[in-house]
Amino acid sequence: MGQAGTAETFTPYGVSHWVLLGVLAVGALLLVRAGRRHRGTRAGVLFTRAFALSLGLFAVAMQVYRVLPSQWNISVSLPLHLSDFTWIVAVYALWTHRQWAYSLTYYWGLTLNPQAMLTPALDAPSFPHIDFVDFWTQHTLVVWAAIYLTWGLGLRPVWRDFATTVMVTVVWGVAVFWFNRVTGTNYGFLNSKPNNPSLLDVMGPWPWYLAVEFVVGLTAWALITWPWTRSPGKPARWRRSTTS
């Protein structure tokens, strides 16, 4: 893949990493406050849709860049990583507040994205490389979307959403695994581990790390479902009248 300018290698838990994590935390707090203040109002609807457009336009621009002839590489240019599907459903969830889209954003956005941000690739480029801007902007916006929808607007997951997310993830995994087999790619790192050091290195060799990863994911999703479902009563749902 082509390089858009030179940049130093990103240093995990260096100054820039801590600054980025700080921006993530502060932005999340501000979004929760804004969501609660304007929940159910026309201003809240406009703000949420502006958020959706910002995320969507940025991600689409990055995707267009990656399929340009000068950047094209079948191994990295297609939007087949689970993080690519996450931003798509996050945009739809922000715009419509549909429960299925929200639940995918919640589970994927609050586990996969933070994991990638807390343990980034050791050989990743630093600012101002376009890969750096793409990775951190997209991952941050998706995490913010999940937090905003949940703690700002009051949407909640239930066990049925947990089951839906598991099924969708399995379907994605099977489809992308076979695409990788046919094309020689490795989207989702389903067919082999990434070249750079990662958490997968402590999960055993292929294909056993896939099973370990799946069990860890299920456990994490169950743990972030349980607090919302342990008390009687229905979860908070977005009333369509507030978006009309």
Protein backbone atom coordinates (compact mmCIF):
# COMPACT_ATOMS: atom_id res chain seq x y z
CA MET A 1 0.00 0.00 0.00
CA GLY A 2 1.27 3.48 -0.79
CA GLN A 3 2.56 5.84 1.85
CA ALA A 4 1.18 9.33 2.28
CA GLY A 5 4.27 11.09 3.57
CA THR A 6 6.89 9.94 6.04
CA ALA A 7 6.22 9.46 9.74
CA GLU A 8 7.89 7.92 12.72
CA THR A 9 6.71 4.64 14.17
CA PHE A 10 3.96 4.99 16.73
CA THR A 11 5.12 4.27 20.30
CA PRO A 12 2.51 2.50 22.46
CA TYR A 13 2.03 4.32 25.77
CA GLY A 14 4.24 7.16 24.67
CA VAL A 15 3.13 10.77 25.00
CA SER A 16 0.95 10.74 21.87
CA HIS A 17 -0.78 7.53 22.95
CA TRP A 18 -1.71 8.96 26.35
CA VAL A 19 -2.93 12.17 24.72
CA LEU A 20 -5.16 10.19 22.36
CA LEU A 21 -6.59 8.11 25.19
CA GLY A 22 -7.20 11.32 27.14
CA VAL A 23 -9.06 12.83 24.19
CA LEU A 24 -11.13 9.65 23.98
CA ALA A 25 -12.10 9.88 27.66
CA VAL A 26 -12.86 13.62 27.70
CA GLY A 27 -14.83 13.43 24.47
CA ALA A 28 -16.89 10.55 25.83
CA LEU A 29 -17.79 12.50 28.97
CA LEU A 30 -18.83 15.54 26.93
CA LEU A 31 -20.95 13.45 24.59
CA VAL A 32 -22.74 11.74 27.48
CA ARG A 33 -23.50 15.13 29.00
CA ALA A 34 -24.75 16.49 25.67
CA GLY A 35 -26.88 13.41 25.05
CA ARG A 36 -28.56 13.59 28.44
CA ARG A 37 -29.17 17.31 28.20
CA HIS A 38 -30.80 17.14 24.77
CA ARG A 39 -32.38 13.68 24.98
CA GLY A 40 -35.78 13.64 23.28
CA THR A 41 -35.44 17.12 21.77
CA ARG A 42 -35.14 18.29 18.19
CA ALA A 43 -31.69 19.67 18.96
CA GLY A 44 -30.68 16.22 20.15
CA VAL A 45 -31.88 14.63 16.92
CA LEU A 46 -29.95 17.14 14.80
CA PHE A 47 -26.81 16.67 16.87
CA THR A 48 -27.03 12.88 16.64
CA ARG A 49 -27.48 12.94 12.89
CA ALA A 50 -24.60 15.40 12.51
CA PHE A 51 -22.52 12.91 14.48
CA ALA A 52 -23.62 10.13 12.11
CA LEU A 53 -22.73 12.21 9.06
CA SER A 54 -19.31 13.10 10.47
CA LEU A 55 -18.43 9.47 11.09
CA GLY A 56 -19.89 8.29 7.79
CA LEU A 57 -18.24 10.95 5.62
CA PHE A 58 -14.84 10.43 7.21
CA ALA A 59 -14.97 6.64 6.89
CA VAL A 60 -16.21 6.77 3.30
CA ALA A 61 -13.46 9.24 2.37
CA MET A 62 -10.85 6.89 3.82
CA GLN A 63 -12.38 3.95 1.98
CA VAL A 64 -12.35 5.83 -1.33
CA TYR A 65 -8.70 6.69 -0.74
CA ARG A 66 -7.82 3.03 -0.18
CA VAL A 67 -9.36 1.85 -3.45
CA LEU A 68 -7.58 4.45 -5.57
CA PRO A 69 -5.28 2.81 -8.15
CA SER A 70 -2.20 4.15 -6.37
CA GLN A 71 -3.32 2.62 -3.05
CA TRP A 72 -5.10 -0.53 -4.15
CA ASN A 73 -4.08 -3.75 -2.48
CA ILE A 74 -6.66 -6.52 -2.21
CA SER A 75 -5.16 -7.54 1.14
CA VAL A 76 -5.97 -4.23 2.86
CA SER A 77 -8.18 -2.06 0.66
CA LEU A 78 -11.53 -3.82 1.06
CA PRO A 79 -13.83 -2.97 4.01
CA LEU A 80 -13.96 -6.52 5.34
CA HIS A 81 -12.48 -6.16 8.81
CA LEU A 82 -15.05 -6.26 11.59
CA SER A 83 -14.10 -2.68 12.44
CA ASP A 84 -15.29 -1.66 8.97
CA PHE A 85 -18.70 -3.17 9.60
CA THR A 86 -18.72 -1.51 13.02
CA TRP A 87 -18.55 2.02 11.65
CA ILE A 88 -21.26 1.22 9.11
CA VAL A 89 -23.71 -0.01 11.76
CA ALA A 90 -22.67 2.84 14.08
CA VAL A 91 -23.67 5.41 11.44
CA TYR A 92 -27.01 3.64 10.94
CA ALA A 93 -27.58 3.37 14.70
CA LEU A 94 -26.90 7.06 15.24
CA TRP A 95 -29.24 8.04 12.42
CA THR A 96 -32.15 5.68 13.14
CA HIS A 97 -31.67 4.36 16.71
CA ARG A 98 -32.70 0.91 15.50
CA GLN A 99 -32.09 -1.60 18.27
CA TRP A 100 -30.25 -4.17 16.15
CA ALA A 101 -27.81 -1.55 14.82
CA TYR A 102 -27.34 -0.10 18.28
CA SER A 103 -26.61 -3.51 19.77
CA LEU A 104 -23.92 -4.31 17.18
CA THR A 105 -22.39 -0.89 17.79
CA TYR A 106 -22.50 -1.48 21.54
CA TYR A 107 -20.88 -4.92 21.56
CA TRP A 108 -18.37 -4.41 18.77
CA GLY A 109 -17.63 -0.76 19.55
CA LEU A 110 -17.04 -1.23 23.28
CA THR A 111 -14.84 -4.32 23.06
CA LEU A 112 -13.04 -4.59 19.72
CA ASN A 113 -12.24 -0.92 19.25
CA PRO A 114 -10.93 -0.25 22.78
CA GLN A 115 -8.81 -3.40 22.58
CA ALA A 116 -7.25 -2.15 19.34
CA MET A 117 -6.66 1.29 20.85
CA LEU A 118 -5.18 -0.01 24.10
CA THR A 119 -2.89 -2.50 22.34
CA PRO A 120 -2.06 -0.92 18.95
CA ALA A 121 0.33 -2.51 16.50
CA LEU A 122 3.94 -2.00 17.52
CA ASP A 123 5.01 -1.22 13.96
CA ALA A 124 2.18 1.20 13.14
CA PRO A 125 3.03 4.64 11.71
CA SER A 126 2.65 7.78 13.80
CA PHE A 127 1.13 11.18 12.98
CA PRO A 128 0.74 12.60 10.34
CA HIS A 129 0.63 9.34 8.35
CA ILE A 130 -2.82 8.80 6.87
CA ASP A 131 -3.04 5.31 8.40
CA PHE A 132 -2.56 6.88 11.83
CA VAL A 133 -5.28 9.48 11.20
CA ASP A 134 -7.64 6.87 9.78
CA PHE A 135 -7.14 4.38 12.62
CA TRP A 136 -7.45 6.74 15.54
CA THR A 137 -10.22 8.93 14.16
CA GLN A 138 -12.44 6.07 13.06
CA HIS A 139 -11.91 3.97 16.19
CA THR A 140 -12.46 6.96 18.48
CA LEU A 141 -15.66 8.04 16.74
CA VAL A 142 -17.10 4.52 16.93
CA VAL A 143 -16.35 4.21 20.65
CA TRP A 144 -17.91 7.62 21.19
CA ALA A 145 -20.99 6.53 19.23
CA ALA A 146 -21.48 3.44 21.42
CA ILE A 147 -21.03 5.46 24.61
CA TYR A 148 -23.25 8.30 23.41
CA LEU A 149 -26.08 5.98 22.40
CA THR A 150 -25.94 4.07 25.68
CA TRP A 151 -25.17 6.58 28.42
CA GLY A 152 -26.21 9.71 26.54
CA LEU A 153 -29.44 8.70 24.83
CA GLY A 154 -30.37 5.83 27.13
CA LEU A 155 -30.50 2.88 24.75
CA ARG A 156 -29.82 -0.47 26.41
CA PRO A 157 -28.83 -3.98 25.28
CA VAL A 158 -30.75 -7.12 26.26
CA TRP A 159 -29.83 -10.79 26.01
CA ARG A 160 -31.57 -11.09 22.65
CA ASP A 161 -29.19 -8.42 21.33
CA PHE A 162 -26.29 -10.45 22.71
CA ALA A 163 -27.51 -13.48 20.75
CA THR A 164 -28.01 -11.43 17.59
CA THR A 165 -24.49 -10.04 17.80
CA VAL A 166 -23.02 -13.51 18.27
CA MET A 167 -24.88 -14.85 15.22
CA VAL A 168 -23.94 -11.89 13.02
CA THR A 169 -20.31 -12.15 14.10
CA VAL A 170 -20.21 -15.87 13.30
CA VAL A 171 -21.73 -15.27 9.85
CA TRP A 172 -19.15 -12.53 9.20
CA GLY A 173 -16.35 -14.82 10.37
CA VAL A 174 -17.35 -17.73 8.14
CA ALA A 175 -17.87 -15.53 5.07
CA VAL A 176 -14.61 -13.62 5.48
CA PHE A 177 -12.65 -16.77 6.31
CA TRP A 178 -13.62 -18.32 2.97
CA PHE A 179 -13.00 -15.06 1.14
CA ASN A 180 -9.50 -15.08 2.62
CA ARG A 181 -8.99 -18.70 1.54
CA VAL A 182 -9.98 -17.90 -2.05
CA THR A 183 -8.08 -14.63 -2.41
CA GLY A 184 -5.06 -15.24 -0.17
CA THR A 185 -5.94 -12.32 2.10
CA ASN A 186 -6.22 -12.27 5.89
CA TYR A 187 -9.06 -9.93 6.85
CA GLY A 188 -9.98 -10.18 10.49
CA PHE A 189 -6.78 -12.21 11.03
CA LEU A 190 -8.99 -15.26 10.65
CA ASN A 191 -6.53 -17.28 8.58
CA SER A 192 -3.30 -16.42 10.35
CA LYS A 193 -1.94 -14.07 12.98
CA PRO A 194 -0.87 -10.52 12.04
CA ASN A 195 2.81 -9.97 11.36
CA ASN A 196 3.15 -7.46 14.18
CA PRO A 197 2.96 -8.53 17.85
CA SER A 198 -0.61 -8.65 19.20
CA LEU A 199 -2.77 -10.20 21.90
CA LEU A 200 -3.33 -13.16 19.59
CA ASP A 201 0.23 -14.24 20.32
CA VAL A 202 -0.82 -15.39 23.81
CA MET A 203 -3.85 -17.31 22.54
CA GLY A 204 -2.03 -20.22 20.93
CA PRO A 205 -1.37 -21.19 17.31
CA TRP A 206 -3.86 -21.14 14.44
CA PRO A 207 -6.67 -22.22 14.50
CA TRP A 208 -6.84 -22.52 18.29
CA TYR A 209 -6.46 -18.81 18.88
CA LEU A 210 -9.73 -18.29 17.01
CA ALA A 211 -11.56 -20.43 19.57
CA VAL A 212 -9.87 -18.64 22.46
CA GLU A 213 -10.67 -15.27 20.91
CA PHE A 214 -14.31 -16.29 20.44
CA VAL A 215 -14.69 -17.45 24.05
CA VAL A 216 -13.04 -14.28 25.36
CA GLY A 217 -15.35 -12.20 23.18
CA LEU A 218 -18.47 -14.04 24.35
CA THR A 219 -17.41 -13.57 27.97
CA ALA A 220 -16.80 -9.86 27.50
CA TRP A 221 -20.14 -9.37 25.73
CA ALA A 222 -21.96 -11.28 28.46
CA LEU A 223 -20.32 -9.16 31.14
CA ILE A 224 -21.39 -5.90 29.49
CA THR A 225 -24.94 -7.22 29.02
CA TRP A 226 -25.53 -8.44 32.56
CA PRO A 227 -25.56 -5.04 34.36
CA TRP A 228 -28.41 -3.82 32.15
CA THR A 229 -30.52 -6.96 32.56
CA ARG A 230 -30.07 -7.97 36.20
CA SER A 231 -32.87 -5.67 37.42
CA PRO A 232 -36.54 -6.21 36.49
CA GLY A 233 -38.10 -3.90 33.98
CA LYS A 234 -37.76 -3.20 30.31
CA PRO A 235 -34.67 -1.53 28.88
CA ALA A 236 -34.87 2.05 27.79
CA ARG A 237 -35.83 2.29 24.14
CA TRP A 238 -35.75 5.21 21.79
CA ARG A 239 -39.25 6.38 21.07
CA ARG A 240 -39.75 7.02 17.40
CA SER A 241 -41.78 10.13 18.19
CA THR A 242 -38.60 11.88 19.30
CA THR A 243 -37.11 11.57 15.84
CA SER A 244 -40.12 12.83 13.96
